[in-house]
Amino acid sequence: MYSAFWLWAIAQALLLPNWVAGFAGLIGFGILYFGRVAKEERMMLETFRDSYRVYMERTGRIFPSIR
């Protein structure tokens, strides 16, 4: 979900003819992402403990790892 929003925000910044509006979406989502992901990961670690740590090692944080 977050990788799709990152791609959308980057595309908006590049495609909108108004640079202020384009980069406002990118900055807005960046603030939301960095303010929220740490809390979500902390909650997941508290709930799922070691199984979530193993999951974190296997997957990418923003974009999925290809193995």
N, C-alpha and C. Protein backbone atom coordinates (compact mmCIF):
# COMPACT_ATOMS: atom_id res chain seq x y z
N MET A 1 0.82 -1.17 0.00
CA MET A 1 0.00 0.00 0.00
C MET A 1 0.88 1.25 0.00
N TYR A 2 1.89 1.26 0.86
CA TYR A 2 2.74 2.45 0.93
C TYR A 2 3.56 2.64 -0.35
N SER A 3 4.01 1.56 -0.96
CA SER A 3 4.77 1.72 -2.20
C SER A 3 3.87 2.31 -3.30
N ALA A 4 2.62 1.92 -3.34
CA ALA A 4 1.69 2.48 -4.33
C ALA A 4 1.49 3.97 -4.09
N PHE A 5 1.36 4.37 -2.84
CA PHE A 5 1.20 5.80 -2.54
C PHE A 5 2.47 6.59 -2.86
N TRP A 6 3.65 6.00 -2.62
CA TRP A 6 4.90 6.68 -2.99
C TRP A 6 4.95 6.89 -4.50
N LEU A 7 4.62 5.86 -5.25
CA LEU A 7 4.64 5.99 -6.71
C LEU A 7 3.63 7.03 -7.19
N TRP A 8 2.47 7.03 -6.58
CA TRP A 8 1.44 8.02 -6.94
C TRP A 8 1.93 9.45 -6.64
N ALA A 9 2.54 9.64 -5.47
CA ALA A 9 3.00 10.98 -5.08
C ALA A 9 4.13 11.45 -6.01
N ILE A 10 5.02 10.55 -6.38
CA ILE A 10 6.11 10.91 -7.30
C ILE A 10 5.55 11.24 -8.68
N ALA A 11 4.61 10.44 -9.15
CA ALA A 11 3.99 10.70 -10.45
C ALA A 11 3.25 12.03 -10.44
N GLN A 12 2.55 12.33 -9.37
CA GLN A 12 1.84 13.61 -9.27
C GLN A 12 2.83 14.76 -9.33
N ALA A 13 3.93 14.65 -8.61
CA ALA A 13 4.93 15.73 -8.60
C ALA A 13 5.51 15.95 -10.00
N LEU A 14 5.67 14.87 -10.75
CA LEU A 14 6.26 15.00 -12.08
C LEU A 14 5.26 15.40 -13.16
N LEU A 15 3.99 15.04 -12.98
CA LEU A 15 3.01 15.26 -14.04
C LEU A 15 2.19 16.53 -13.93
N LEU A 16 1.98 17.02 -12.72
CA LEU A 16 1.17 18.24 -12.58
C LEU A 16 1.93 19.45 -13.12
N PRO A 17 1.26 20.30 -13.86
CA PRO A 17 1.95 21.49 -14.39
C PRO A 17 2.26 22.51 -13.30
N ASN A 18 1.61 22.40 -12.17
CA ASN A 18 1.87 23.31 -11.05
C ASN A 18 2.82 22.62 -10.08
N TRP A 19 4.06 23.10 -10.03
CA TRP A 19 5.09 22.45 -9.21
C TRP A 19 4.76 22.49 -7.72
N VAL A 20 4.11 23.56 -7.28
CA VAL A 20 3.77 23.67 -5.86
C VAL A 20 2.77 22.59 -5.48
N ALA A 21 1.72 22.43 -6.28
CA ALA A 21 0.71 21.41 -5.99
C ALA A 21 1.30 20.01 -6.12
N GLY A 22 2.14 19.81 -7.12
CA GLY A 22 2.74 18.50 -7.31
C GLY A 22 3.60 18.07 -6.14
N PHE A 23 4.48 18.94 -5.70
CA PHE A 23 5.37 18.57 -4.61
C PHE A 23 4.69 18.65 -3.24
N ALA A 24 3.58 19.37 -3.15
CA ALA A 24 2.84 19.40 -1.89
C ALA A 24 2.31 18.01 -1.54
N GLY A 25 1.84 17.28 -2.55
CA GLY A 25 1.37 15.91 -2.32
C GLY A 25 2.51 15.00 -1.89
N LEU A 26 3.66 15.16 -2.49
CA LEU A 26 4.84 14.36 -2.14
C LEU A 26 5.30 14.65 -0.72
N ILE A 27 5.35 15.91 -0.38
CA ILE A 27 5.76 16.30 0.98
C ILE A 27 4.71 15.86 2.00
N GLY A 28 3.45 16.06 1.66
CA GLY A 28 2.37 15.66 2.58
C GLY A 28 2.38 14.17 2.87
N PHE A 29 2.54 13.36 1.83
CA PHE A 29 2.58 11.93 2.05
C PHE A 29 3.85 11.52 2.78
N GLY A 30 4.96 12.17 2.48
CA GLY A 30 6.21 11.87 3.20
C GLY A 30 6.08 12.10 4.70
N ILE A 31 5.44 13.18 5.08
CA ILE A 31 5.22 13.46 6.50
C ILE A 31 4.32 12.39 7.12
N LEU A 32 3.26 12.05 6.42
CA LEU A 32 2.35 11.00 6.91
C LEU A 32 3.09 9.67 7.05
N TYR A 33 3.86 9.31 6.03
CA TYR A 33 4.57 8.02 6.03
C TYR A 33 5.56 7.93 7.19
N PHE A 34 6.44 8.91 7.30
CA PHE A 34 7.48 8.83 8.32
C PHE A 34 6.93 9.01 9.73
N GLY A 35 5.79 9.68 9.87
CA GLY A 35 5.16 9.81 11.17
C GLY A 35 4.38 8.59 11.60
N ARG A 36 3.99 7.76 10.64
CA ARG A 36 3.10 6.65 10.95
C ARG A 36 3.78 5.28 10.95
N VAL A 37 4.72 5.06 10.06
CA VAL A 37 5.29 3.73 9.88
C VAL A 37 6.01 3.25 11.14
N ALA A 38 6.74 4.11 11.82
CA ALA A 38 7.43 3.68 13.04
C ALA A 38 6.44 3.20 14.10
N LYS A 39 5.33 3.90 14.23
CA LYS A 39 4.30 3.48 15.19
C LYS A 39 3.68 2.15 14.79
N GLU A 40 3.41 1.99 13.50
CA GLU A 40 2.81 0.73 13.02
C GLU A 40 3.76 -0.45 13.24
N GLU A 41 5.04 -0.25 12.95
CA GLU A 41 5.99 -1.35 13.13
C GLU A 41 6.17 -1.69 14.60
N ARG A 42 6.15 -0.71 15.46
CA ARG A 42 6.24 -0.96 16.90
C ARG A 42 5.04 -1.78 17.37
N MET A 43 3.85 -1.43 16.88
CA MET A 43 2.64 -2.17 17.24
C MET A 43 2.72 -3.61 16.72
N MET A 44 3.20 -3.79 15.49
CA MET A 44 3.32 -5.13 14.93
C MET A 44 4.32 -5.97 15.72
N LEU A 45 5.43 -5.37 16.14
CA LEU A 45 6.42 -6.10 16.94
C LEU A 45 5.85 -6.50 18.30
N GLU A 46 5.08 -5.61 18.91
CA GLU A 46 4.46 -5.94 20.19
C GLU A 46 3.45 -7.08 20.05
N THR A 47 2.74 -7.09 18.94
CA THR A 47 1.69 -8.08 18.73
C THR A 47 2.25 -9.43 18.28
N PHE A 48 3.14 -9.41 17.27
CA PHE A 48 3.59 -10.65 16.64
C PHE A 48 5.01 -11.08 17.02
N ARG A 49 5.73 -10.22 17.71
CA ARG A 49 7.08 -10.49 18.23
C ARG A 49 8.04 -11.08 17.19
N ASP A 50 8.59 -12.24 17.46
CA ASP A 50 9.65 -12.81 16.62
C ASP A 50 9.19 -13.15 15.21
N SER A 51 7.94 -13.55 15.06
CA SER A 51 7.46 -13.87 13.71
C SER A 51 7.46 -12.61 12.83
N TYR A 52 7.19 -11.45 13.41
CA TYR A 52 7.25 -10.21 12.63
C TYR A 52 8.69 -9.82 12.33
N ARG A 53 9.61 -10.08 13.25
CA ARG A 53 11.03 -9.81 12.98
C ARG A 53 11.52 -10.63 11.80
N VAL A 54 11.12 -11.89 11.74
CA VAL A 54 11.49 -12.76 10.62
C VAL A 54 10.89 -12.20 9.32
N TYR A 55 9.66 -11.76 9.38
CA TYR A 55 9.00 -11.16 8.21
C TYR A 55 9.75 -9.91 7.75
N MET A 56 10.17 -9.07 8.71
CA MET A 56 10.89 -7.85 8.37
C MET A 56 12.21 -8.15 7.67
N GLU A 57 12.87 -9.23 8.06
CA GLU A 57 14.13 -9.60 7.43
C GLU A 57 13.94 -10.10 6.00
N ARG A 58 12.78 -10.68 5.71
CA ARG A 58 12.49 -11.23 4.39
C ARG A 58 11.99 -10.20 3.39
N THR A 59 11.39 -9.13 3.86
CA THR A 59 10.71 -8.19 2.96
C THR A 59 11.35 -6.82 3.01
N GLY A 60 11.08 -6.04 1.97
CA GLY A 60 11.55 -4.66 1.92
C GLY A 60 10.60 -3.76 2.69
N ARG A 61 11.10 -2.62 3.11
CA ARG A 61 10.27 -1.72 3.89
C ARG A 61 9.29 -0.93 3.02
N ILE A 62 9.78 -0.41 1.91
CA ILE A 62 8.89 0.35 1.02
C ILE A 62 8.52 -0.48 -0.19
N PHE A 63 9.52 -1.03 -0.85
CA PHE A 63 9.28 -1.86 -2.03
C PHE A 63 9.61 -3.31 -1.68
N PRO A 64 8.76 -4.25 -2.10
CA PRO A 64 9.00 -5.65 -1.79
C PRO A 64 10.33 -6.13 -2.36
N SER A 65 11.01 -7.00 -1.62
CA SER A 65 12.25 -7.57 -2.11
C SER A 65 11.93 -8.66 -3.13
N ILE A 66 12.75 -8.74 -4.15
CA ILE A 66 12.57 -9.77 -5.16
C ILE A 66 13.67 -10.80 -4.93
N ARG A 67 13.28 -12.03 -4.62
CA ARG A 67 14.25 -13.10 -4.34
C ARG A 67 13.94 -14.29 -5.16
